[in-house]
Amino acid sequence: MLQNRNLLFGIGIISSPILFALIAFPDSFSLSWNQGRGGFLFALVFVVAELIGLKIIISKKRLLAVIPLAAAVIVYIAGLEYGLRDYLLASAEQYNVQLIYSWTWMWDFIVMAIFVVVALSIFFGKRWIRIAPAGPIFLAGSAIILSLDAFFPYDTLGPLQYVVPYLVQTNVWLINVLDLGTATARDNIMFLRGDFGPMVLQVFWPSAGVHSIIIYSLVMGAFLLKMNIPRKRKSIYFGIGIAGTIGINMIRIFSLSWYALKVTTDVKQWEEFHSVAGEIMFLPWLFAFLLIVILIETKRLKKLESQGKSTPKSS
């Protein structure tokens, strides 16, 4: 009983800064990956999913040690509304930051990632990387992507932009095959004409979902690391997930094009759809795929155990 209660207290302490931000500043929880703290909620789901039901005792001393850290993060979040965010915005020019909002949100994810890693380290020592890696890796991965977007926006980071023209060409082909309108492409630019007139879309690596492939690779790598399954099966799962994530990105680009062709060419309305389209598709896919892998491997493990019990032992 004490074991379960302490574990729940531990989850509550780790959750407290995110819950505080959600209650105090709900408008900051945009689903768009670079416009708010929506990623905090998904990281929290990862942490809770990996910790709940653990048979590990967390001592009261360790729990108390994390409380001041959680309080410090809460102070940081509150402080952003009382001048700290202005300081971060002012510092952007000093570091030659190109997209200042990605820069400010980046620090939120850095602070939260550090807090979660330190908290888990206090609770479980070095074992945390095998117990609950997905949440902190998701936060750290999001911070890395935001930093890339802040310093190398649009198409300035060549390697990440390299695959975009191929995705754009595939999307244009689909539009024409399905007769949704007319579409042509040049490099990363799409020229669309649909029910509401023409619209030109320039696709950069974040809008193409390249960031989701990076985050998937980090989270899935951590998830598979802790699973006791053969390396070959891990590689198969990882490869299927990459293919699925690329497919989701294609659906994202297609949906953005469809919105311009069939719904509206009004830039403001299109941008509102664009700001949430990616995460609405990618994050549910990520959770669903992880769940499928867990179910398959759990069923496989039970089958192996039942076969082992039914096999007669020779004397």
Protein backbone atom coordinates (compact mmCIF):
# COMPACT_ATOMS: atom_id res chain seq x y z
CA MET A 1 0.00 0.00 0.00
CA LEU A 2 2.81 2.42 0.94
CA GLN A 3 4.61 1.47 -2.26
CA ASN A 4 1.61 2.43 -4.42
CA ARG A 5 0.94 5.60 -2.46
CA ASN A 6 4.52 6.83 -2.72
CA LEU A 7 4.57 6.09 -6.43
CA LEU A 8 1.38 8.11 -6.91
CA PHE A 9 2.91 10.96 -4.89
CA GLY A 10 5.97 10.79 -7.15
CA ILE A 11 3.83 10.99 -10.28
CA GLY A 12 1.93 13.89 -8.72
CA ILE A 13 5.13 15.80 -7.96
CA ILE A 14 6.44 15.36 -11.51
CA SER A 15 3.04 16.36 -12.90
CA SER A 16 2.63 19.45 -10.70
CA PRO A 17 4.46 22.03 -12.89
CA ILE A 18 2.54 20.91 -15.99
CA LEU A 19 -0.79 20.92 -14.13
CA PHE A 20 0.02 24.37 -12.70
CA ALA A 21 0.73 25.74 -16.18
CA LEU A 22 -2.45 24.13 -17.54
CA ILE A 23 -4.61 25.67 -14.81
CA ALA A 24 -2.91 29.08 -14.63
CA PHE A 25 -2.20 29.58 -18.35
CA PRO A 26 -4.52 27.32 -20.36
CA ASP A 27 -4.17 29.45 -23.49
CA SER A 28 -0.49 28.49 -23.68
CA PHE A 29 -1.38 24.84 -24.43
CA SER A 30 -1.64 25.13 -28.19
CA LEU A 31 -1.51 21.86 -30.12
CA SER A 32 0.93 23.37 -32.60
CA TRP A 33 4.43 22.03 -31.95
CA ASN A 34 6.09 25.49 -32.01
CA GLN A 35 3.37 27.71 -30.57
CA GLY A 36 2.84 26.54 -27.02
CA ARG A 37 3.08 23.92 -24.30
CA GLY A 38 0.79 21.30 -25.83
CA GLY A 39 3.73 18.89 -25.94
CA PHE A 40 3.85 18.96 -22.12
CA LEU A 41 0.59 17.00 -22.00
CA PHE A 42 1.89 14.27 -24.28
CA ALA A 43 5.12 14.03 -22.28
CA LEU A 44 3.02 13.71 -19.11
CA VAL A 45 1.02 10.87 -20.64
CA PHE A 46 4.30 9.08 -21.44
CA VAL A 47 5.57 9.54 -17.87
CA VAL A 48 2.34 8.36 -16.25
CA ALA A 49 2.00 5.38 -18.61
CA GLU A 50 5.53 4.20 -17.85
CA LEU A 51 5.40 4.74 -14.08
CA ILE A 52 1.90 3.60 -13.15
CA GLY A 53 1.86 0.11 -11.74
CA LEU A 54 5.60 -0.10 -11.07
CA LYS A 55 6.64 -2.39 -8.22
CA ILE A 56 9.42 -0.09 -7.07
CA ILE A 57 9.40 1.66 -3.71
CA ILE A 58 10.24 5.37 -3.70
CA SER A 59 11.38 6.50 -0.28
CA LYS A 60 9.84 9.50 1.45
CA LYS A 61 13.25 11.17 1.50
CA ARG A 62 13.50 10.98 -2.29
CA LEU A 63 9.98 12.33 -2.70
CA LEU A 64 10.72 15.31 -0.47
CA ALA A 65 13.95 16.02 -2.38
CA VAL A 66 12.03 16.58 -5.63
CA ILE A 67 9.40 18.95 -4.20
CA PRO A 68 11.71 22.04 -4.18
CA LEU A 69 12.66 21.30 -7.81
CA ALA A 70 9.00 21.17 -8.82
CA ALA A 71 8.42 24.44 -6.96
CA ALA A 72 11.36 26.04 -8.81
CA VAL A 73 9.87 25.04 -12.19
CA ILE A 74 6.49 26.47 -11.13
CA VAL A 75 8.23 29.73 -10.19
CA TYR A 76 9.91 29.75 -13.62
CA ILE A 77 6.57 29.27 -15.41
CA ALA A 78 4.92 32.01 -13.35
CA GLY A 79 7.95 34.26 -13.78
CA LEU A 80 7.53 34.22 -17.54
CA GLU A 81 4.41 36.32 -17.09
CA TYR A 82 6.28 38.85 -14.92
CA GLY A 83 9.23 39.87 -17.06
CA LEU A 84 11.17 36.67 -17.64
CA ARG A 85 9.67 36.13 -21.10
CA ASP A 86 10.61 39.69 -22.06
CA TYR A 87 14.19 38.91 -21.03
CA LEU A 88 14.19 35.80 -23.23
CA LEU A 89 12.80 37.79 -26.15
CA ALA A 90 15.50 40.43 -25.68
CA SER A 91 18.21 37.78 -25.57
CA ALA A 92 17.10 36.37 -28.92
CA GLU A 93 18.73 39.23 -30.81
CA GLN A 94 21.98 38.74 -28.91
CA TYR A 95 22.19 35.12 -30.11
CA ASN A 96 21.07 35.95 -33.66
CA VAL A 97 17.86 33.96 -33.31
CA GLN A 98 15.68 34.01 -36.42
CA LEU A 99 12.33 32.86 -34.99
CA ILE A 100 11.93 34.30 -31.52
CA TYR A 101 8.81 32.38 -30.51
CA SER A 102 10.46 29.04 -31.17
CA TRP A 103 13.31 30.38 -29.03
CA THR A 104 11.08 31.23 -26.05
CA TRP A 105 9.11 27.96 -26.15
CA MET A 106 12.40 26.08 -26.49
CA TRP A 107 13.37 27.19 -22.98
CA ASP A 108 10.10 25.86 -21.56
CA PHE A 109 10.88 22.43 -22.96
CA ILE A 110 14.52 22.57 -21.84
CA VAL A 111 13.51 23.44 -18.27
CA MET A 112 10.82 20.77 -18.16
CA ALA A 113 13.11 18.11 -19.67
CA ILE A 114 15.83 18.84 -17.11
CA PHE A 115 13.32 18.74 -14.27
CA VAL A 116 11.82 15.40 -15.32
CA VAL A 117 15.26 13.82 -15.84
CA VAL A 118 16.51 15.02 -12.45
CA ALA A 119 13.29 13.94 -10.71
CA LEU A 120 13.42 10.46 -12.24
CA SER A 121 17.13 10.20 -11.38
CA ILE A 122 16.38 11.02 -7.75
CA PHE A 123 13.54 8.49 -7.66
CA PHE A 124 15.25 5.61 -9.47
CA GLY A 125 18.94 6.45 -9.88
CA LYS A 126 20.54 5.42 -13.18
CA ARG A 127 17.74 2.93 -13.74
CA TRP A 128 15.39 5.72 -14.86
CA ILE A 129 16.61 5.42 -18.46
CA ARG A 130 15.15 1.90 -18.60
CA ILE A 131 12.12 2.64 -16.44
CA ALA A 132 10.65 5.83 -17.90
CA PRO A 133 12.70 7.29 -20.77
CA ALA A 134 9.93 8.26 -23.22
CA GLY A 135 8.65 11.42 -21.46
CA PRO A 136 11.99 13.18 -20.93
CA ILE A 137 13.23 12.13 -24.37
CA PHE A 138 10.06 13.56 -25.94
CA LEU A 139 10.63 16.84 -24.08
CA ALA A 140 14.33 16.97 -24.98
CA GLY A 141 13.57 16.08 -28.61
CA SER A 142 10.99 18.85 -28.80
CA ALA A 143 13.54 21.30 -27.36
CA ILE A 144 16.08 20.25 -30.01
CA ILE A 145 13.55 20.71 -32.83
CA LEU A 146 12.55 24.14 -31.49
CA SER A 147 16.21 25.17 -31.32
CA LEU A 148 16.73 24.11 -34.94
CA ASP A 149 13.64 26.06 -35.95
CA ALA A 150 14.84 29.10 -33.98
CA PHE A 151 18.35 29.20 -35.47
CA PHE A 152 17.74 27.58 -38.89
CA PRO A 153 14.18 28.47 -39.96
CA TYR A 154 12.46 27.69 -43.23
CA ASP A 155 14.92 26.04 -45.66
CA THR A 156 18.22 27.20 -44.17
CA LEU A 157 18.99 23.76 -42.74
CA GLY A 158 19.66 21.85 -45.95
CA PRO A 159 19.77 18.22 -44.71
CA LEU A 160 16.31 18.45 -43.13
CA GLN A 161 14.92 20.22 -46.20
CA TYR A 162 16.35 17.66 -48.63
CA VAL A 163 13.37 15.26 -48.65
CA VAL A 164 10.70 17.98 -48.89
CA PRO A 165 10.63 18.35 -52.72
CA TYR A 166 9.98 14.60 -53.06
CA LEU A 167 7.05 14.81 -50.66
CA VAL A 168 5.72 17.85 -52.50
CA GLN A 169 5.95 16.11 -55.90
CA THR A 170 4.11 13.05 -54.53
CA ASN A 171 1.39 15.28 -53.11
CA VAL A 172 0.93 17.12 -56.41
CA TRP A 173 0.61 13.77 -58.20
CA LEU A 174 -2.10 12.65 -55.75
CA ILE A 175 -4.09 15.87 -56.18
CA ASN A 176 -4.08 15.52 -59.96
CA VAL A 177 -4.88 11.79 -59.89
CA LEU A 178 -7.86 12.39 -57.58
CA ASP A 179 -8.94 15.39 -59.69
CA LEU A 180 -9.27 17.71 -56.69
CA GLY A 181 -8.04 20.68 -58.67
CA THR A 182 -4.92 21.60 -60.54
CA ALA A 183 -1.50 21.39 -58.93
CA THR A 184 2.08 21.86 -60.06
CA ALA A 185 5.31 21.95 -58.10
CA ARG A 186 8.70 23.58 -58.30
CA ASP A 187 11.20 22.46 -55.67
CA ASN A 188 9.33 23.00 -52.36
CA ILE A 189 6.61 25.28 -53.80
CA MET A 190 3.12 24.08 -54.77
CA PHE A 191 0.88 26.05 -57.11
CA LEU A 192 -2.72 25.09 -56.41
CA ARG A 193 -6.01 26.08 -58.01
CA GLY A 194 -9.26 24.78 -56.56
CA ASP A 195 -12.85 25.77 -55.82
CA PHE A 196 -11.87 29.10 -54.26
CA GLY A 197 -9.17 30.19 -56.66
CA PRO A 198 -5.37 29.94 -56.67
CA MET A 199 -3.06 29.54 -53.70
CA VAL A 200 0.70 29.09 -53.51
CA LEU A 201 2.13 26.98 -50.68
CA GLN A 202 5.82 26.88 -49.82
CA VAL A 203 6.66 23.82 -47.75
CA PHE A 204 9.54 23.81 -45.26
CA TRP A 205 10.81 20.87 -43.23
CA PRO A 206 8.66 21.45 -40.10
CA SER A 207 5.47 21.71 -42.17
CA ALA A 208 6.47 18.55 -44.03
CA GLY A 209 6.66 16.75 -40.69
CA VAL A 210 10.41 16.08 -40.73
CA HIS A 211 10.49 17.07 -37.05
CA SER A 212 7.99 14.29 -36.28
CA ILE A 213 10.36 11.70 -37.77
CA ILE A 214 13.13 12.93 -35.46
CA ILE A 215 10.88 12.88 -32.40
CA TYR A 216 9.50 9.46 -33.36
CA SER A 217 13.04 8.09 -33.71
CA LEU A 218 14.03 9.37 -30.27
CA VAL A 219 10.89 8.20 -28.45
CA MET A 220 10.64 4.86 -30.24
CA GLY A 221 14.35 4.22 -29.73
CA ALA A 222 13.96 4.77 -25.99
CA PHE A 223 10.80 2.68 -25.88
CA LEU A 224 12.37 -0.27 -27.70
CA LEU A 225 15.52 -0.01 -25.57
CA LYS A 226 13.58 -0.97 -22.46
CA MET A 227 11.67 -3.82 -24.12
CA ASN A 228 13.08 -7.32 -23.71
CA ILE A 229 12.56 -8.50 -27.28
CA PRO A 230 14.97 -9.72 -29.99
CA ARG A 231 16.96 -7.05 -31.82
CA LYS A 232 15.52 -8.13 -35.17
CA ARG A 233 11.97 -7.51 -33.96
CA LYS A 234 13.01 -4.13 -32.61
CA SER A 235 14.39 -3.20 -36.03
CA ILE A 236 11.17 -4.32 -37.72
CA TYR A 237 9.01 -2.27 -35.36
CA PHE A 238 11.26 0.76 -35.78
CA GLY A 239 11.16 0.50 -39.58
CA ILE A 240 7.38 0.08 -39.69
CA GLY A 241 7.02 3.12 -37.44
CA ILE A 242 9.26 5.24 -39.69
CA ALA A 243 7.21 4.23 -42.74
CA GLY A 244 3.99 5.01 -40.86
CA THR A 245 5.30 8.42 -39.75
CA ILE A 246 6.25 9.30 -43.32
CA GLY A 247 2.75 8.23 -44.37
CA ILE A 248 1.23 10.48 -41.71
CA ASN A 249 3.37 13.37 -42.99
CA MET A 250 2.09 12.76 -46.51
CA ILE A 251 -1.48 12.87 -45.17
CA ARG A 252 -0.61 16.14 -43.42
CA ILE A 253 0.67 17.79 -46.61
CA PHE A 254 -2.29 16.41 -48.55
CA SER A 255 -4.79 17.72 -45.97
CA LEU A 256 -3.23 21.19 -46.07
CA SER A 257 -3.52 21.17 -49.87
CA TRP A 258 -7.08 19.86 -49.73
CA TYR A 259 -8.02 22.64 -47.31
CA ALA A 260 -6.76 25.24 -49.78
CA LEU A 261 -8.44 23.51 -52.74
CA LYS A 262 -11.83 22.70 -51.20
CA VAL A 263 -12.37 24.81 -48.07
CA THR A 264 -10.75 28.24 -48.31
CA THR A 265 -7.84 30.21 -49.67
CA ASP A 266 -8.15 32.75 -46.87
CA VAL A 267 -4.64 32.91 -45.41
CA LYS A 268 -5.76 33.44 -41.80
CA GLN A 269 -8.16 30.48 -41.79
CA TRP A 270 -5.64 28.28 -43.58
CA GLU A 271 -2.92 29.17 -41.04
CA GLU A 272 -5.24 28.23 -38.18
CA PHE A 273 -5.72 24.79 -39.73
CA HIS A 274 -2.02 24.50 -40.52
CA SER A 275 -1.03 25.23 -36.92
CA VAL A 276 -2.75 22.11 -35.56
CA ALA A 277 -2.94 19.69 -38.51
CA GLY A 278 0.40 18.00 -37.91
CA GLU A 279 0.19 17.20 -34.21
CA ILE A 280 -3.48 16.15 -34.46
CA MET A 281 -2.30 13.40 -36.81
CA PHE A 282 1.20 12.54 -35.61
CA LEU A 283 0.80 12.25 -31.84
CA PRO A 284 -2.27 9.96 -31.91
CA TRP A 285 -0.44 7.83 -34.48
CA LEU A 286 2.60 7.63 -32.17
CA PHE A 287 0.51 6.59 -29.17
CA ALA A 288 -1.50 4.11 -31.23
CA PHE A 289 1.62 2.50 -32.68
CA LEU A 290 3.29 2.17 -29.27
CA LEU A 291 0.09 0.63 -27.89
CA ILE A 292 -0.06 -1.87 -30.77
CA VAL A 293 3.57 -2.89 -30.16
CA ILE A 294 2.87 -3.36 -26.43
CA LEU A 295 -0.23 -5.46 -27.12
CA ILE A 296 1.55 -7.64 -29.68
CA GLU A 297 4.55 -8.25 -27.44
CA THR A 298 2.40 -8.85 -24.34
CA LYS A 299 0.35 -11.44 -26.23
CA ARG A 300 3.54 -13.02 -27.60
CA LEU A 301 5.11 -13.18 -24.12
CA LYS A 302 2.00 -14.82 -22.62
CA LYS A 303 2.00 -17.36 -25.45
CA LEU A 304 5.67 -18.20 -24.84
CA GLU A 305 5.03 -18.54 -21.10
CA SER A 306 2.06 -20.84 -21.65
CA GLN A 307 4.08 -22.99 -24.04
CA GLY A 308 6.89 -23.21 -21.50
CA LYS A 309 4.49 -24.36 -18.77
CA SER A 310 2.87 -26.96 -21.00
CA THR A 311 6.19 -28.48 -22.16
CA PRO A 312 6.94 -31.61 -20.07
CA LYS A 313 10.30 -31.71 -18.34
CA SER A 314 12.55 -34.68 -19.04
CA SER A 315 14.27 -36.38 -16.15
